[in-house]
Amino acid sequence: MTLVIYDISSDEIRTKLANRLFDYGLQRIQYSAFKGELNAHDREVLVKELSNFLGGERDSIYVIPLCEHCSRLCRILSSKPVPPLVEVEKVKLI
């Protein structure tokens, strides 16, 4: 699991960044936060691309890899229904 969170001052650049994250198959979980499954290689390629989206003096992008254990420990607090960070696998009885 990979989390990408960002604070980008330019609306235009922020929109381009979000579209690029969608291209990588990431899913928006907050306005400036995405999650998704990326292997280590794809994550490193993405990190190299992301510097192109930094323009403002205070712009920042965090790329946070999470192990399966940490992903499952995540707790989401919200007043509206939101999907979990990771889907809980269901056990099939045969």
N, C-alpha and C. Protein backbone atom coordinates (compact mmCIF):
# COMPACT_ATOMS: atom_id res chain seq x y z
N MET A 1 0.85 -1.18 0.00
CA MET A 1 0.00 0.00 0.00
C MET A 1 0.89 1.23 0.00
N THR A 2 0.52 2.20 -0.80
CA THR A 2 1.24 3.46 -0.86
C THR A 2 0.26 4.60 -0.65
N LEU A 3 0.62 5.54 0.22
CA LEU A 3 -0.14 6.77 0.40
C LEU A 3 0.62 7.90 -0.26
N VAL A 4 -0.11 8.76 -0.96
CA VAL A 4 0.48 9.97 -1.50
C VAL A 4 -0.39 11.12 -1.01
N ILE A 5 0.23 12.04 -0.29
CA ILE A 5 -0.49 13.23 0.19
C ILE A 5 0.31 14.45 -0.25
N TYR A 6 -0.41 15.51 -0.56
CA TYR A 6 0.29 16.68 -1.09
C TYR A 6 -0.39 17.97 -0.72
N ASP A 7 0.42 19.02 -0.77
CA ASP A 7 -0.05 20.39 -0.58
C ASP A 7 0.60 21.20 -1.70
N ILE A 8 -0.17 21.47 -2.74
CA ILE A 8 0.31 22.18 -3.93
C ILE A 8 -0.50 23.46 -4.07
N SER A 9 0.19 24.59 -4.21
CA SER A 9 -0.48 25.89 -4.21
C SER A 9 -1.22 26.20 -5.52
N SER A 10 -0.73 25.70 -6.64
CA SER A 10 -1.33 26.01 -7.94
C SER A 10 -2.48 25.05 -8.25
N ASP A 11 -3.66 25.59 -8.54
CA ASP A 11 -4.81 24.75 -8.91
C ASP A 11 -4.50 23.90 -10.14
N GLU A 12 -3.87 24.51 -11.13
CA GLU A 12 -3.57 23.81 -12.38
C GLU A 12 -2.61 22.64 -12.16
N ILE A 13 -1.55 22.88 -11.41
CA ILE A 13 -0.58 21.83 -11.13
C ILE A 13 -1.20 20.75 -10.25
N ARG A 14 -2.00 21.17 -9.29
CA ARG A 14 -2.68 20.20 -8.40
C ARG A 14 -3.57 19.27 -9.20
N THR A 15 -4.29 19.80 -10.18
CA THR A 15 -5.15 18.98 -11.04
C THR A 15 -4.32 18.02 -11.88
N LYS A 16 -3.22 18.49 -12.44
CA LYS A 16 -2.35 17.62 -13.23
C LYS A 16 -1.76 16.50 -12.37
N LEU A 17 -1.38 16.85 -11.15
CA LEU A 17 -0.84 15.84 -10.23
C LEU A 17 -1.89 14.78 -9.93
N ALA A 18 -3.09 15.19 -9.61
CA ALA A 18 -4.17 14.22 -9.31
C ALA A 18 -4.39 13.31 -10.51
N ASN A 19 -4.42 13.86 -11.71
CA ASN A 19 -4.62 13.04 -12.90
C ASN A 19 -3.48 12.04 -13.09
N ARG A 20 -2.26 12.45 -12.78
CA ARG A 20 -1.12 11.54 -12.90
C ARG A 20 -1.23 10.41 -11.88
N LEU A 21 -1.67 10.72 -10.68
CA LEU A 21 -1.85 9.68 -9.67
C LEU A 21 -2.94 8.70 -10.09
N PHE A 22 -4.01 9.21 -10.71
CA PHE A 22 -5.04 8.31 -11.25
C PHE A 22 -4.43 7.40 -12.32
N ASP A 23 -3.52 7.95 -13.15
CA ASP A 23 -2.84 7.14 -14.18
C ASP A 23 -2.10 5.96 -13.57
N TYR A 24 -1.59 6.13 -12.38
CA TYR A 24 -0.88 5.05 -11.68
C TYR A 24 -1.84 4.07 -11.00
N GLY A 25 -3.13 4.32 -11.14
CA GLY A 25 -4.11 3.43 -10.53
C GLY A 25 -4.41 3.74 -9.09
N LEU A 26 -3.95 4.88 -8.60
CA LEU A 26 -4.24 5.24 -7.21
C LEU A 26 -5.65 5.78 -7.09
N GLN A 27 -6.19 5.66 -5.92
CA GLN A 27 -7.58 6.04 -5.63
C GLN A 27 -7.58 7.23 -4.68
N ARG A 28 -8.40 8.23 -4.98
CA ARG A 28 -8.48 9.41 -4.12
C ARG A 28 -9.22 9.04 -2.83
N ILE A 29 -8.64 9.39 -1.67
CA ILE A 29 -9.30 9.13 -0.39
C ILE A 29 -9.61 10.43 0.35
N GLN A 30 -8.96 11.50 -0.02
CA GLN A 30 -9.23 12.85 0.46
C GLN A 30 -8.91 13.76 -0.72
N TYR A 31 -9.24 15.04 -0.61
CA TYR A 31 -9.00 15.93 -1.73
C TYR A 31 -7.54 15.90 -2.18
N SER A 32 -6.61 15.89 -1.26
CA SER A 32 -5.18 15.87 -1.60
C SER A 32 -4.48 14.63 -1.06
N ALA A 33 -5.17 13.50 -1.11
CA ALA A 33 -4.59 12.24 -0.63
C ALA A 33 -5.07 11.09 -1.49
N PHE A 34 -4.13 10.22 -1.85
CA PHE A 34 -4.42 9.06 -2.68
C PHE A 34 -3.83 7.82 -2.03
N LYS A 35 -4.39 6.67 -2.36
CA LYS A 35 -3.86 5.40 -1.88
C LYS A 35 -3.89 4.41 -3.02
N GLY A 36 -3.07 3.38 -2.91
CA GLY A 36 -3.12 2.32 -3.90
C GLY A 36 -1.95 1.37 -3.77
N GLU A 37 -2.05 0.30 -4.51
CA GLU A 37 -1.00 -0.72 -4.53
C GLU A 37 0.02 -0.36 -5.61
N LEU A 38 1.25 -0.15 -5.20
CA LEU A 38 2.36 0.08 -6.13
C LEU A 38 3.52 -0.81 -5.70
N ASN A 39 4.15 -1.45 -6.67
CA ASN A 39 5.35 -2.19 -6.32
C ASN A 39 6.50 -1.20 -6.12
N ALA A 40 7.60 -1.66 -5.58
CA ALA A 40 8.71 -0.77 -5.24
C ALA A 40 9.24 -0.03 -6.46
N HIS A 41 9.33 -0.68 -7.59
CA HIS A 41 9.83 -0.04 -8.81
C HIS A 41 8.91 1.09 -9.26
N ASP A 42 7.61 0.80 -9.35
CA ASP A 42 6.66 1.83 -9.78
C ASP A 42 6.63 3.01 -8.81
N ARG A 43 6.77 2.71 -7.52
CA ARG A 43 6.78 3.77 -6.52
C ARG A 43 7.99 4.68 -6.73
N GLU A 44 9.16 4.11 -7.03
CA GLU A 44 10.36 4.91 -7.25
C GLU A 44 10.25 5.72 -8.53
N VAL A 45 9.67 5.16 -9.58
CA VAL A 45 9.45 5.91 -10.82
C VAL A 45 8.52 7.08 -10.55
N LEU A 46 7.45 6.84 -9.80
CA LEU A 46 6.51 7.91 -9.45
C LEU A 46 7.22 9.01 -8.65
N VAL A 47 8.03 8.64 -7.68
CA VAL A 47 8.73 9.62 -6.86
C VAL A 47 9.59 10.53 -7.74
N LYS A 48 10.27 9.95 -8.73
CA LYS A 48 11.10 10.76 -9.62
C LYS A 48 10.26 11.73 -10.44
N GLU A 49 9.06 11.31 -10.84
CA GLU A 49 8.17 12.18 -11.62
C GLU A 49 7.60 13.32 -10.77
N LEU A 50 7.39 13.07 -9.51
CA LEU A 50 6.65 14.02 -8.68
C LEU A 50 7.37 15.35 -8.48
N SER A 51 8.68 15.36 -8.59
CA SER A 51 9.39 16.64 -8.42
C SER A 51 8.96 17.65 -9.49
N ASN A 52 8.46 17.17 -10.63
CA ASN A 52 7.97 18.05 -11.70
C ASN A 52 6.72 18.83 -11.28
N PHE A 53 6.06 18.38 -10.23
CA PHE A 53 4.82 19.02 -9.79
C PHE A 53 5.04 20.04 -8.66
N LEU A 54 6.28 20.19 -8.25
CA LEU A 54 6.58 21.16 -7.19
C LEU A 54 6.91 22.50 -7.83
N GLY A 55 6.14 23.52 -7.48
CA GLY A 55 6.37 24.83 -8.06
C GLY A 55 6.45 25.92 -7.02
N GLY A 56 5.55 25.88 -6.08
CA GLY A 56 5.50 26.90 -5.04
C GLY A 56 6.56 26.66 -3.98
N GLU A 57 6.91 27.73 -3.31
CA GLU A 57 7.94 27.67 -2.27
C GLU A 57 7.58 26.70 -1.15
N ARG A 58 6.30 26.59 -0.85
CA ARG A 58 5.86 25.74 0.27
C ARG A 58 5.17 24.46 -0.19
N ASP A 59 5.24 24.14 -1.49
CA ASP A 59 4.62 22.91 -1.99
C ASP A 59 5.34 21.69 -1.42
N SER A 60 4.59 20.62 -1.19
CA SER A 60 5.19 19.39 -0.70
C SER A 60 4.36 18.19 -1.15
N ILE A 61 5.05 17.08 -1.32
CA ILE A 61 4.40 15.81 -1.67
C ILE A 61 5.04 14.73 -0.80
N TYR A 62 4.22 13.95 -0.13
CA TYR A 62 4.68 12.82 0.67
C TYR A 62 4.28 11.53 -0.02
N VAL A 63 5.22 10.62 -0.19
CA VAL A 63 4.95 9.29 -0.71
C VAL A 63 5.32 8.33 0.42
N ILE A 64 4.30 7.66 0.94
CA ILE A 64 4.48 6.87 2.16
C ILE A 64 4.13 5.41 1.89
N PRO A 65 5.14 4.54 1.82
CA PRO A 65 4.85 3.11 1.69
C PRO A 65 4.41 2.55 3.04
N LEU A 66 3.40 1.72 3.02
CA LEU A 66 2.92 1.09 4.25
C LEU A 66 2.95 -0.43 4.08
N CYS A 67 3.48 -1.10 5.06
CA CYS A 67 3.44 -2.57 5.02
C CYS A 67 2.00 -3.03 5.28
N GLU A 68 1.75 -4.27 5.00
CA GLU A 68 0.40 -4.80 5.17
C GLU A 68 -0.07 -4.66 6.61
N HIS A 69 0.82 -4.94 7.55
CA HIS A 69 0.46 -4.85 8.97
C HIS A 69 0.04 -3.42 9.33
N CYS A 70 0.85 -2.45 8.94
CA CYS A 70 0.54 -1.05 9.26
C CYS A 70 -0.75 -0.60 8.57
N SER A 71 -0.95 -1.05 7.34
CA SER A 71 -2.17 -0.69 6.61
C SER A 71 -3.40 -1.17 7.35
N ARG A 72 -3.32 -2.36 7.90
CA ARG A 72 -4.47 -2.93 8.61
C ARG A 72 -4.71 -2.26 9.97
N LEU A 73 -3.67 -1.66 10.53
CA LEU A 73 -3.82 -0.96 11.80
C LEU A 73 -4.45 0.43 11.65
N CYS A 74 -4.52 0.91 10.43
CA CYS A 74 -5.07 2.24 10.18
C CYS A 74 -6.52 2.31 10.65
N ARG A 75 -6.86 3.40 11.31
CA ARG A 75 -8.23 3.66 11.74
C ARG A 75 -8.67 4.97 11.12
N ILE A 76 -9.83 4.98 10.52
CA ILE A 76 -10.35 6.16 9.84
C ILE A 76 -11.54 6.68 10.62
N LEU A 77 -11.49 7.95 10.97
CA LEU A 77 -12.58 8.59 11.69
C LEU A 77 -13.26 9.56 10.73
N SER A 78 -14.55 9.41 10.54
CA SER A 78 -15.26 10.27 9.61
C SER A 78 -16.73 10.31 9.97
N SER A 79 -17.37 11.43 9.70
CA SER A 79 -18.80 11.52 9.95
C SER A 79 -19.60 10.95 8.78
N LYS A 80 -18.93 10.61 7.70
CA LYS A 80 -19.59 9.99 6.55
C LYS A 80 -18.95 8.63 6.29
N PRO A 81 -19.65 7.73 5.65
CA PRO A 81 -19.08 6.41 5.36
C PRO A 81 -17.90 6.54 4.39
N VAL A 82 -16.78 5.92 4.71
CA VAL A 82 -15.62 5.90 3.83
C VAL A 82 -15.09 4.48 3.76
N PRO A 83 -14.50 4.10 2.63
CA PRO A 83 -13.94 2.75 2.54
C PRO A 83 -12.71 2.62 3.41
N PRO A 84 -12.40 1.43 3.88
CA PRO A 84 -11.19 1.23 4.69
C PRO A 84 -9.94 1.45 3.84
N LEU A 85 -8.83 1.66 4.50
CA LEU A 85 -7.57 1.84 3.78
C LEU A 85 -7.24 0.58 2.98
N VAL A 86 -7.45 -0.57 3.58
CA VAL A 86 -7.26 -1.85 2.89
C VAL A 86 -8.53 -2.66 3.04
N GLU A 87 -8.83 -3.40 2.01
CA GLU A 87 -10.00 -4.28 2.06
C GLU A 87 -9.67 -5.50 2.91
N VAL A 88 -10.56 -5.86 3.76
CA VAL A 88 -10.37 -7.04 4.60
C VAL A 88 -10.70 -8.26 3.77
N GLU A 89 -9.75 -9.18 3.72
CA GLU A 89 -9.98 -10.40 2.96
C GLU A 89 -10.98 -11.28 3.69
N LYS A 90 -11.86 -11.84 2.93
CA LYS A 90 -12.85 -12.72 3.51
C LYS A 90 -12.37 -14.15 3.41
N VAL A 91 -12.60 -14.91 4.43
CA VAL A 91 -12.19 -16.31 4.46
C VAL A 91 -13.25 -17.15 3.77
N LYS A 92 -12.81 -17.99 2.85
CA LYS A 92 -13.73 -18.90 2.19
C LYS A 92 -13.61 -20.27 2.82
N LEU A 93 -14.73 -20.81 3.19
CA LEU A 93 -14.74 -22.17 3.73
C LEU A 93 -15.11 -23.13 2.62
N ILE A 94 -14.29 -24.14 2.48
CA ILE A 94 -14.55 -25.12 1.41
C ILE A 94 -14.93 -26.45 2.04
